[in-house]
Structure formats: structure tokens, C-alpha cells
Amino acid sequence: MVTGLVLVRLMAGKETKTLSDIRKTTGVSHVTAVFGRWDLVLDIETQDIATLSNVIVRDIRAIPGVLSTESLITTAI
């Protein structure tokens, strides 16, 4: 199991639809709204790093209203 955090910046005026689409994305286990430079923090869980990358690049970044992302792969310590 590979987990990661994805910071997401949203387009103004499209937040509701974009958030709905993000929540439906396979691999997204939790969504937190935040204030500041980023609008959302997503918890992602997948079987391997390649799948995690695909979820971010092919799925999340392709959602209309997602302006940018920053990915942080997490590990237990």
C-alpha cells in the first residue's frame, strides 16, 4: 500500500462541481478543505507508486476546475 497527500488549487467559481468529481475518484480516501495557498488536501491510497501517479496525473489533474497540484508521498515512521 502506498499513500500520499495531494495539495490542490481550485479554479474560482467551480469549487462545488470540482470537489464532487474529486470525491468520486478511485484512490481518494479523504478530502480536507484548507485556507491559504492550497484549497484542498487529498489523502490518496493505492496499491503501488505507479497507480498513485496515474490517479494524480490522469484522474485528478484532468478534472475541470483543478488548476494545480503538489504531491507528497507519505511513509510510516
N, C-alpha and C. Protein backbone atom coordinates (compact mmCIF):
# COMPACT_ATOMS: atom_id res chain seq x y z
N MET A 1 0.85 -1.18 0.00
CA MET A 1 0.00 0.00 0.00
C MET A 1 0.89 1.24 0.00
N VAL A 2 0.57 2.17 -0.90
CA VAL A 2 1.27 3.44 -0.99
C VAL A 2 0.26 4.54 -0.69
N THR A 3 0.67 5.49 0.13
CA THR A 3 -0.22 6.61 0.44
C THR A 3 0.47 7.92 0.10
N GLY A 4 -0.34 8.92 -0.14
CA GLY A 4 0.21 10.23 -0.44
C GLY A 4 -0.78 11.32 -0.11
N LEU A 5 -0.27 12.51 -0.02
CA LEU A 5 -1.08 13.70 0.14
C LEU A 5 -0.96 14.50 -1.14
N VAL A 6 -2.07 15.01 -1.61
CA VAL A 6 -2.05 15.84 -2.81
C VAL A 6 -2.67 17.19 -2.45
N LEU A 7 -1.88 18.24 -2.62
CA LEU A 7 -2.36 19.60 -2.40
C LEU A 7 -2.95 20.08 -3.71
N VAL A 8 -4.16 20.66 -3.64
CA VAL A 8 -4.87 21.03 -4.86
C VAL A 8 -5.29 22.49 -4.81
N ARG A 9 -5.05 23.19 -5.90
CA ARG A 9 -5.54 24.56 -6.07
C ARG A 9 -6.71 24.49 -7.06
N LEU A 10 -7.85 25.12 -6.68
CA LEU A 10 -9.06 25.07 -7.49
C LEU A 10 -9.31 26.38 -8.22
N MET A 11 -10.05 26.30 -9.31
CA MET A 11 -10.47 27.47 -10.07
C MET A 11 -11.67 28.09 -9.35
N ALA A 12 -11.62 29.40 -9.16
CA ALA A 12 -12.72 30.11 -8.50
C ALA A 12 -14.01 29.94 -9.29
N GLY A 13 -15.09 29.67 -8.56
CA GLY A 13 -16.41 29.53 -9.17
C GLY A 13 -16.76 28.11 -9.58
N LYS A 14 -15.80 27.19 -9.56
CA LYS A 14 -16.05 25.81 -9.95
C LYS A 14 -15.83 24.83 -8.80
N GLU A 15 -15.70 25.36 -7.59
CA GLU A 15 -15.32 24.53 -6.45
C GLU A 15 -16.29 23.38 -6.19
N THR A 16 -17.59 23.63 -6.22
CA THR A 16 -18.57 22.61 -5.85
C THR A 16 -18.52 21.41 -6.79
N LYS A 17 -18.55 21.64 -8.10
CA LYS A 17 -18.51 20.55 -9.08
C LYS A 17 -17.16 19.84 -9.04
N THR A 18 -16.09 20.61 -8.93
CA THR A 18 -14.75 20.01 -8.90
C THR A 18 -14.59 19.13 -7.66
N LEU A 19 -15.04 19.61 -6.52
CA LEU A 19 -14.96 18.82 -5.29
C LEU A 19 -15.75 17.53 -5.41
N SER A 20 -16.93 17.61 -5.99
CA SER A 20 -17.75 16.41 -6.20
C SER A 20 -17.02 15.39 -7.06
N ASP A 21 -16.40 15.84 -8.15
CA ASP A 21 -15.66 14.94 -9.04
C ASP A 21 -14.44 14.35 -8.34
N ILE A 22 -13.75 15.14 -7.55
CA ILE A 22 -12.58 14.63 -6.82
C ILE A 22 -12.99 13.54 -5.84
N ARG A 23 -14.08 13.75 -5.13
CA ARG A 23 -14.54 12.75 -4.14
C ARG A 23 -14.89 11.42 -4.80
N LYS A 24 -15.28 11.43 -6.06
CA LYS A 24 -15.65 10.21 -6.78
C LYS A 24 -14.44 9.47 -7.34
N THR A 25 -13.27 10.07 -7.27
CA THR A 25 -12.06 9.50 -7.86
C THR A 25 -11.57 8.30 -7.05
N THR A 26 -11.41 7.17 -7.73
CA THR A 26 -10.89 5.96 -7.08
C THR A 26 -9.49 6.23 -6.54
N GLY A 27 -9.27 5.89 -5.29
CA GLY A 27 -7.98 6.11 -4.64
C GLY A 27 -7.99 7.27 -3.68
N VAL A 28 -8.94 8.20 -3.84
CA VAL A 28 -9.06 9.33 -2.91
C VAL A 28 -9.82 8.85 -1.68
N SER A 29 -9.14 8.80 -0.54
CA SER A 29 -9.77 8.28 0.67
C SER A 29 -10.32 9.36 1.58
N HIS A 30 -9.79 10.58 1.46
CA HIS A 30 -10.26 11.66 2.33
C HIS A 30 -9.93 13.00 1.68
N VAL A 31 -10.84 13.97 1.85
CA VAL A 31 -10.63 15.31 1.30
C VAL A 31 -10.80 16.32 2.43
N THR A 32 -9.84 17.23 2.58
CA THR A 32 -9.90 18.28 3.58
C THR A 32 -9.78 19.64 2.89
N ALA A 33 -10.72 20.53 3.18
CA ALA A 33 -10.63 21.90 2.67
C ALA A 33 -9.73 22.70 3.60
N VAL A 34 -8.85 23.51 3.01
CA VAL A 34 -7.92 24.32 3.79
C VAL A 34 -7.90 25.75 3.24
N PHE A 35 -7.38 26.66 4.02
CA PHE A 35 -7.23 28.04 3.59
C PHE A 35 -5.76 28.32 3.36
N GLY A 36 -5.47 29.20 2.43
CA GLY A 36 -4.09 29.56 2.14
C GLY A 36 -3.78 29.35 0.68
N ARG A 37 -2.55 29.00 0.39
CA ARG A 37 -2.10 28.82 -0.99
C ARG A 37 -2.83 27.69 -1.69
N TRP A 38 -3.20 26.65 -0.96
CA TRP A 38 -3.91 25.49 -1.49
C TRP A 38 -5.35 25.50 -1.00
N ASP A 39 -6.23 24.86 -1.75
CA ASP A 39 -7.65 24.81 -1.39
C ASP A 39 -8.06 23.48 -0.76
N LEU A 40 -7.41 22.39 -1.19
CA LEU A 40 -7.75 21.07 -0.69
C LEU A 40 -6.49 20.27 -0.39
N VAL A 41 -6.61 19.34 0.56
CA VAL A 41 -5.59 18.33 0.79
C VAL A 41 -6.29 16.99 0.62
N LEU A 42 -5.80 16.17 -0.31
CA LEU A 42 -6.38 14.86 -0.57
C LEU A 42 -5.49 13.78 0.01
N ASP A 43 -6.11 12.80 0.66
CA ASP A 43 -5.40 11.59 1.07
C ASP A 43 -5.64 10.56 -0.03
N ILE A 44 -4.57 10.00 -0.57
CA ILE A 44 -4.65 9.02 -1.65
C ILE A 44 -4.08 7.71 -1.14
N GLU A 45 -4.76 6.60 -1.45
CA GLU A 45 -4.26 5.27 -1.11
C GLU A 45 -4.37 4.39 -2.35
N THR A 46 -3.23 3.80 -2.76
CA THR A 46 -3.21 2.90 -3.91
C THR A 46 -2.30 1.71 -3.61
N GLN A 47 -2.31 0.76 -4.53
CA GLN A 47 -1.51 -0.46 -4.34
C GLN A 47 -0.01 -0.23 -4.56
N ASP A 48 0.33 0.69 -5.46
CA ASP A 48 1.75 0.90 -5.76
C ASP A 48 1.96 2.34 -6.26
N ILE A 49 3.21 2.70 -6.41
CA ILE A 49 3.57 4.07 -6.79
C ILE A 49 3.09 4.41 -8.20
N ALA A 50 3.10 3.45 -9.11
CA ALA A 50 2.64 3.72 -10.47
C ALA A 50 1.16 4.06 -10.49
N THR A 51 0.38 3.34 -9.71
CA THR A 51 -1.06 3.62 -9.64
C THR A 51 -1.31 4.97 -8.99
N LEU A 52 -0.55 5.29 -7.95
CA LEU A 52 -0.68 6.59 -7.30
C LEU A 52 -0.41 7.71 -8.30
N SER A 53 0.64 7.55 -9.08
CA SER A 53 0.98 8.54 -10.10
C SER A 53 -0.14 8.68 -11.13
N ASN A 54 -0.71 7.58 -11.55
CA ASN A 54 -1.81 7.62 -12.52
C ASN A 54 -3.04 8.31 -11.97
N VAL A 55 -3.36 8.06 -10.72
CA VAL A 55 -4.52 8.72 -10.10
C VAL A 55 -4.32 10.23 -10.12
N ILE A 56 -3.12 10.67 -9.79
CA ILE A 56 -2.85 12.11 -9.74
C ILE A 56 -2.81 12.72 -11.14
N VAL A 57 -2.03 12.14 -12.02
CA VAL A 57 -1.81 12.73 -13.34
C VAL A 57 -3.00 12.55 -14.27
N ARG A 58 -3.51 11.34 -14.38
CA ARG A 58 -4.59 11.07 -15.35
C ARG A 58 -5.97 11.42 -14.82
N ASP A 59 -6.19 11.25 -13.51
CA ASP A 59 -7.54 11.43 -12.97
C ASP A 59 -7.74 12.82 -12.35
N ILE A 60 -6.98 13.14 -11.31
CA ILE A 60 -7.20 14.38 -10.58
C ILE A 60 -6.87 15.61 -11.43
N ARG A 61 -5.73 15.62 -12.07
CA ARG A 61 -5.34 16.79 -12.88
C ARG A 61 -6.25 17.00 -14.09
N ALA A 62 -6.96 15.96 -14.51
CA ALA A 62 -7.85 16.05 -15.67
C ALA A 62 -9.23 16.60 -15.31
N ILE A 63 -9.53 16.74 -14.02
CA ILE A 63 -10.83 17.23 -13.60
C ILE A 63 -10.92 18.73 -13.88
N PRO A 64 -11.97 19.16 -14.60
CA PRO A 64 -12.14 20.59 -14.84
C PRO A 64 -12.25 21.36 -13.52
N GLY A 65 -11.50 22.42 -13.40
CA GLY A 65 -11.50 23.23 -12.18
C GLY A 65 -10.28 23.01 -11.32
N VAL A 66 -9.49 21.97 -11.61
CA VAL A 66 -8.23 21.76 -10.89
C VAL A 66 -7.16 22.58 -11.61
N LEU A 67 -6.62 23.57 -10.92
CA LEU A 67 -5.60 24.43 -11.52
C LEU A 67 -4.20 23.86 -11.39
N SER A 68 -3.88 23.32 -10.19
CA SER A 68 -2.54 22.77 -9.99
C SER A 68 -2.56 21.83 -8.80
N THR A 69 -1.53 20.97 -8.75
CA THR A 69 -1.39 20.03 -7.65
C THR A 69 0.08 19.97 -7.22
N GLU A 70 0.27 19.53 -5.99
CA GLU A 70 1.61 19.20 -5.49
C GLU A 70 1.44 17.91 -4.71
N SER A 71 2.28 16.93 -5.00
CA SER A 71 2.13 15.60 -4.42
C SER A 71 3.22 15.32 -3.39
N LEU A 72 2.81 14.69 -2.29
CA LEU A 72 3.72 14.31 -1.23
C LEU A 72 3.48 12.84 -0.91
N ILE A 73 4.45 12.00 -1.22
CA ILE A 73 4.31 10.57 -0.91
C ILE A 73 4.65 10.39 0.56
N THR A 74 3.80 9.66 1.25
CA THR A 74 3.98 9.50 2.69
C THR A 74 4.52 8.12 3.02
N THR A 75 5.15 8.04 4.19
CA THR A 75 5.66 6.78 4.67
C THR A 75 5.51 6.73 6.20
N ALA A 76 5.27 5.57 6.72
CA ALA A 76 5.16 5.42 8.17
C ALA A 76 6.54 5.46 8.80
N ILE A 77 6.66 6.16 9.96
CA ILE A 77 7.94 6.19 10.66
C ILE A 77 7.74 5.82 12.11
